[in-house]
Amino acid sequence: MTTVVVVQPLLALIAGLMILVFPRFLNYVIAAFLILFGLAGLFPNLIGG
């Protein structure tokens, strides 16, 4: 469970940096972020082991 807590802020940081660097890809970055955030919430043991 603690791995999920670490993964989600890391994903948010990466998504934020990508939006700053590539503003045209905003829709793709948000979509990928939401999908990964949702998967991390649904399957916490998959990431944490």
PDB file of N, CA and C in Angstrom:
ATOM      1  N   MET A   1       0.817  -1.191   0.000  1.00  0.00           N
ATOM      2  CA  MET A   1       0.000   0.000   0.000  1.00  0.00           C
ATOM      3  C   MET A   1       0.865   1.261   0.000  1.00  0.00           C
ATOM      4  N   THR A   2       1.994   1.237   0.695  1.00  0.00           N
ATOM      5  CA  THR A   2       2.835   2.424   0.720  1.00  0.00           C
ATOM      6  C   THR A   2       3.438   2.716  -0.650  1.00  0.00           C
ATOM      7  N   THR A   3       3.606   1.698  -1.478  1.00  0.00           N
ATOM      8  CA  THR A   3       4.140   1.934  -2.818  1.00  0.00           C
ATOM      9  C   THR A   3       3.159   2.753  -3.645  1.00  0.00           C
ATOM     10  N   VAL A   4       1.878   2.514  -3.497  1.00  0.00           N
ATOM     11  CA  VAL A   4       0.865   3.273  -4.232  1.00  0.00           C
ATOM     12  C   VAL A   4       0.908   4.735  -3.822  1.00  0.00           C
ATOM     13  N   VAL A   5       1.124   4.987  -2.549  1.00  0.00           N
ATOM     14  CA  VAL A   5       1.197   6.358  -2.061  1.00  0.00           C
ATOM     15  C   VAL A   5       2.396   7.071  -2.684  1.00  0.00           C
ATOM     16  N   VAL A   6       3.479   6.355  -2.929  1.00  0.00           N
ATOM     17  CA  VAL A   6       4.672   6.936  -3.539  1.00  0.00           C
ATOM     18  C   VAL A   6       4.493   7.078  -5.049  1.00  0.00           C
ATOM     19  N   VAL A   7       3.793   6.160  -5.681  1.00  0.00           N
ATOM     20  CA  VAL A   7       3.634   6.175  -7.133  1.00  0.00           C
ATOM     21  C   VAL A   7       2.747   7.331  -7.585  1.00  0.00           C
ATOM     22  N   GLN A   8       1.677   7.593  -6.891  1.00  0.00           N
ATOM     23  CA  GLN A   8       0.726   8.608  -7.329  1.00  0.00           C
ATOM     24  C   GLN A   8       1.314  10.019  -7.345  1.00  0.00           C
ATOM     25  N   PRO A   9       2.033  10.471  -6.309  1.00  0.00           N
ATOM     26  CA  PRO A   9       2.653  11.797  -6.414  1.00  0.00           C
ATOM     27  C   PRO A   9       3.731  11.849  -7.490  1.00  0.00           C
ATOM     28  N   LEU A  10       4.428  10.749  -7.699  1.00  0.00           N
ATOM     29  CA  LEU A  10       5.442  10.694  -8.749  1.00  0.00           C
ATOM     30  C   LEU A  10       4.796  10.831 -10.122  1.00  0.00           C
ATOM     31  N   LEU A  11       3.676  10.154 -10.332  1.00  0.00           N
ATOM     32  CA  LEU A  11       2.949  10.294 -11.592  1.00  0.00           C
ATOM     33  C   LEU A  11       2.447  11.721 -11.783  1.00  0.00           C
ATOM     34  N   ALA A  12       1.992  12.347 -10.720  1.00  0.00           N
ATOM     35  CA  ALA A  12       1.518  13.726 -10.815  1.00  0.00           C
ATOM     36  C   ALA A  12       2.656  14.672 -11.178  1.00  0.00           C
ATOM     37  N   LEU A  13       3.820  14.452 -10.602  1.00  0.00           N
ATOM     38  CA  LEU A  13       4.976  15.289 -10.904  1.00  0.00           C
ATOM     39  C   LEU A  13       5.411  15.124 -12.356  1.00  0.00           C
ATOM     40  N   ILE A  14       5.468  13.897 -12.832  1.00  0.00           N
ATOM     41  CA  ILE A  14       5.849  13.641 -14.226  1.00  0.00           C
ATOM     42  C   ILE A  14       4.822  14.247 -15.175  1.00  0.00           C
ATOM     43  N   ALA A  15       3.545  14.084 -14.871  1.00  0.00           N
ATOM     44  CA  ALA A  15       2.503  14.644 -15.734  1.00  0.00           C
ATOM     45  C   ALA A  15       2.590  16.167 -15.766  1.00  0.00           C
ATOM     46  N   GLY A  16       2.825  16.783 -14.625  1.00  0.00           N
ATOM     47  CA  GLY A  16       2.956  18.233 -14.575  1.00  0.00           C
ATOM     48  C   GLY A  16       4.142  18.736 -15.376  1.00  0.00           C
ATOM     49  N   LEU A  17       5.265  18.043 -15.279  1.00  0.00           N
ATOM     50  CA  LEU A  17       6.449  18.434 -16.051  1.00  0.00           C
ATOM     51  C   LEU A  17       6.219  18.260 -17.550  1.00  0.00           C
ATOM     52  N   MET A  18       5.541  17.188 -17.925  1.00  0.00           N
ATOM     53  CA  MET A  18       5.270  16.971 -19.346  1.00  0.00           C
ATOM     54  C   MET A  18       4.343  18.052 -19.894  1.00  0.00           C
ATOM     55  N   ILE A  19       3.378  18.487 -19.094  1.00  0.00           N
ATOM     56  CA  ILE A  19       2.477  19.556 -19.534  1.00  0.00           C
ATOM     57  C   ILE A  19       3.253  20.861 -19.713  1.00  0.00           C
ATOM     58  N   LEU A  20       4.202  21.127 -18.815  1.00  0.00           N
ATOM     59  CA  LEU A  20       5.006  22.339 -18.950  1.00  0.00           C
ATOM     60  C   LEU A  20       5.906  22.292 -20.185  1.00  0.00           C
ATOM     61  N   VAL A  21       6.491  21.134 -20.459  1.00  0.00           N
ATOM     62  CA  VAL A  21       7.429  21.007 -21.578  1.00  0.00           C
ATOM     63  C   VAL A  21       6.686  20.876 -22.906  1.00  0.00           C
ATOM     64  N   PHE A  22       5.627  20.093 -22.918  1.00  0.00           N
ATOM     65  CA  PHE A  22       4.873  19.832 -24.145  1.00  0.00           C
ATOM     66  C   PHE A  22       3.409  20.224 -23.963  1.00  0.00           C
ATOM     67  N   PRO A  23       3.071  21.499 -24.000  1.00  0.00           N
ATOM     68  CA  PRO A  23       1.677  21.897 -23.722  1.00  0.00           C
ATOM     69  C   PRO A  23       0.681  21.386 -24.762  1.00  0.00           C
ATOM     70  N   ARG A  24       1.134  21.058 -25.952  1.00  0.00           N
ATOM     71  CA  ARG A  24       0.202  20.543 -26.969  1.00  0.00           C
ATOM     72  C   ARG A  24      -0.295  19.140 -26.642  1.00  0.00           C
ATOM     73  N   PHE A  25       0.426  18.426 -25.803  1.00  0.00           N
ATOM     74  CA  PHE A  25       0.056  17.057 -25.455  1.00  0.00           C
ATOM     75  C   PHE A  25      -0.759  16.994 -24.168  1.00  0.00           C
ATOM     76  N   LEU A  26      -1.388  18.094 -23.804  1.00  0.00           N
ATOM     77  CA  LEU A  26      -2.127  18.175 -22.552  1.00  0.00           C
ATOM     78  C   LEU A  26      -3.188  17.077 -22.433  1.00  0.00           C
ATOM     79  N   ASN A  27      -3.961  16.860 -23.479  1.00  0.00           N
ATOM     80  CA  ASN A  27      -5.022  15.844 -23.425  1.00  0.00           C
ATOM     81  C   ASN A  27      -4.452  14.450 -23.204  1.00  0.00           C
ATOM     82  N   TYR A  28      -3.360  14.127 -23.883  1.00  0.00           N
ATOM     83  CA  TYR A  28      -2.754  12.803 -23.748  1.00  0.00           C
ATOM     84  C   TYR A  28      -2.142  12.608 -22.365  1.00  0.00           C
ATOM     85  N   VAL A  29      -1.506  13.639 -21.853  1.00  0.00           N
ATOM     86  CA  VAL A  29      -0.883  13.538 -20.534  1.00  0.00           C
ATOM     87  C   VAL A  29      -1.948  13.352 -19.461  1.00  0.00           C
ATOM     88  N   ILE A  30      -3.021  14.116 -19.543  1.00  0.00           N
ATOM     89  CA  ILE A  30      -4.093  13.986 -18.552  1.00  0.00           C
ATOM     90  C   ILE A  30      -4.763  12.616 -18.650  1.00  0.00           C
ATOM     91  N   ALA A  31      -5.002  12.157 -19.874  1.00  0.00           N
ATOM     92  CA  ALA A  31      -5.618  10.838 -20.048  1.00  0.00           C
ATOM     93  C   ALA A  31      -4.731   9.736 -19.477  1.00  0.00           C
ATOM     94  N   ALA A  32      -3.453   9.776 -19.785  1.00  0.00           N
ATOM     95  CA  ALA A  32      -2.528   8.755 -19.271  1.00  0.00           C
ATOM     96  C   ALA A  32      -2.452   8.825 -17.746  1.00  0.00           C
ATOM     97  N   PHE A  33      -2.395  10.043 -17.214  1.00  0.00           N
ATOM     98  CA  PHE A  33      -2.338  10.211 -15.767  1.00  0.00           C
ATOM     99  C   PHE A  33      -3.573   9.633 -15.094  1.00  0.00           C
ATOM    100  N   LEU A  34      -4.738   9.930 -15.629  1.00  0.00           N
ATOM    101  CA  LEU A  34      -5.970   9.424 -15.024  1.00  0.00           C
ATOM    102  C   LEU A  34      -6.062   7.909 -15.108  1.00  0.00           C
ATOM    103  N   ILE A  35      -5.639   7.342 -16.222  1.00  0.00           N
ATOM    104  CA  ILE A  35      -5.657   5.881 -16.367  1.00  0.00           C
ATOM    105  C   ILE A  35      -4.706   5.237 -15.363  1.00  0.00           C
ATOM    106  N   LEU A  36      -3.480   5.754 -15.274  1.00  0.00           N
ATOM    107  CA  LEU A  36      -2.512   5.171 -14.338  1.00  0.00           C
ATOM    108  C   LEU A  36      -2.926   5.390 -12.887  1.00  0.00           C
ATOM    109  N   PHE A  37      -3.483   6.548 -12.587  1.00  0.00           N
ATOM    110  CA  PHE A  37      -3.966   6.839 -11.233  1.00  0.00           C
ATOM    111  C   PHE A  37      -5.104   5.887 -10.871  1.00  0.00           C
ATOM    112  N   GLY A  38      -6.005   5.648 -11.808  1.00  0.00           N
ATOM    113  CA  GLY A  38      -7.115   4.728 -11.567  1.00  0.00           C
ATOM    114  C   GLY A  38      -6.652   3.297 -11.381  1.00  0.00           C
ATOM    115  N   LEU A  39      -5.705   2.859 -12.206  1.00  0.00           N
ATOM    116  CA  LEU A  39      -5.173   1.504 -12.065  1.00  0.00           C
ATOM    117  C   LEU A  39      -4.443   1.330 -10.738  1.00  0.00           C
ATOM    118  N   ALA A  40      -3.698   2.346 -10.327  1.00  0.00           N
ATOM    119  CA  ALA A  40      -3.003   2.272  -9.044  1.00  0.00           C
ATOM    120  C   ALA A  40      -4.000   2.196  -7.890  1.00  0.00           C
ATOM    121  N   GLY A  41      -5.148   2.845  -8.039  1.00  0.00           N
ATOM    122  CA  GLY A  41      -6.167   2.780  -7.001  1.00  0.00           C
ATOM    123  C   GLY A  41      -6.924   1.469  -6.982  1.00  0.00           C
ATOM    124  N   LEU A  42      -7.155   0.901  -8.172  1.00  0.00           N
ATOM    125  CA  LEU A  42      -7.903  -0.354  -8.241  1.00  0.00           C
ATOM    126  C   LEU A  42      -7.053  -1.567  -7.886  1.00  0.00           C
ATOM    127  N   PHE A  43      -5.799  -1.527  -8.261  1.00  0.00           N
ATOM    128  CA  PHE A  43      -4.930  -2.687  -8.067  1.00  0.00           C
ATOM    129  C   PHE A  43      -3.681  -2.304  -7.275  1.00  0.00           C
ATOM    130  N   PRO A  44      -3.831  -1.923  -6.009  1.00  0.00           N
ATOM    131  CA  PRO A  44      -2.653  -1.489  -5.238  1.00  0.00           C
ATOM    132  C   PRO A  44      -1.641  -2.606  -5.016  1.00  0.00           C
ATOM    133  N   ASN A  45      -2.095  -3.842  -4.921  1.00  0.00           N
ATOM    134  CA  ASN A  45      -1.172  -4.950  -4.697  1.00  0.00           C
ATOM    135  C   ASN A  45      -0.383  -5.309  -5.953  1.00  0.00           C
ATOM    136  N   LEU A  46      -0.881  -4.928  -7.109  1.00  0.00           N
ATOM    137  CA  LEU A  46      -0.178  -5.207  -8.350  1.00  0.00           C
ATOM    138  C   LEU A  46       1.135  -4.430  -8.398  1.00  0.00           C
ATOM    139  N   ILE A  47       1.130  -3.199  -7.943  1.00  0.00           N
ATOM    140  CA  ILE A  47       2.336  -2.374  -7.944  1.00  0.00           C
ATOM    141  C   ILE A  47       3.191  -2.673  -6.719  1.00  0.00           C
ATOM    142  N   GLY A  48       2.556  -2.864  -5.592  1.00  0.00           N
ATOM    143  CA  GLY A  48       3.285  -3.059  -4.343  1.00  0.00           C
ATOM    144  C   GLY A  48       3.819  -4.458  -4.124  1.00  0.00           C
ATOM    145  N   GLY A  49       3.364  -5.417  -4.884  1.00  0.00           N
ATOM    146  CA  GLY A  49       3.882  -6.776  -4.719  1.00  0.00           C
ATOM    147  C   GLY A  49       3.014  -7.602  -3.917  1.00  0.00           C
TER     148      GLY A  49
END
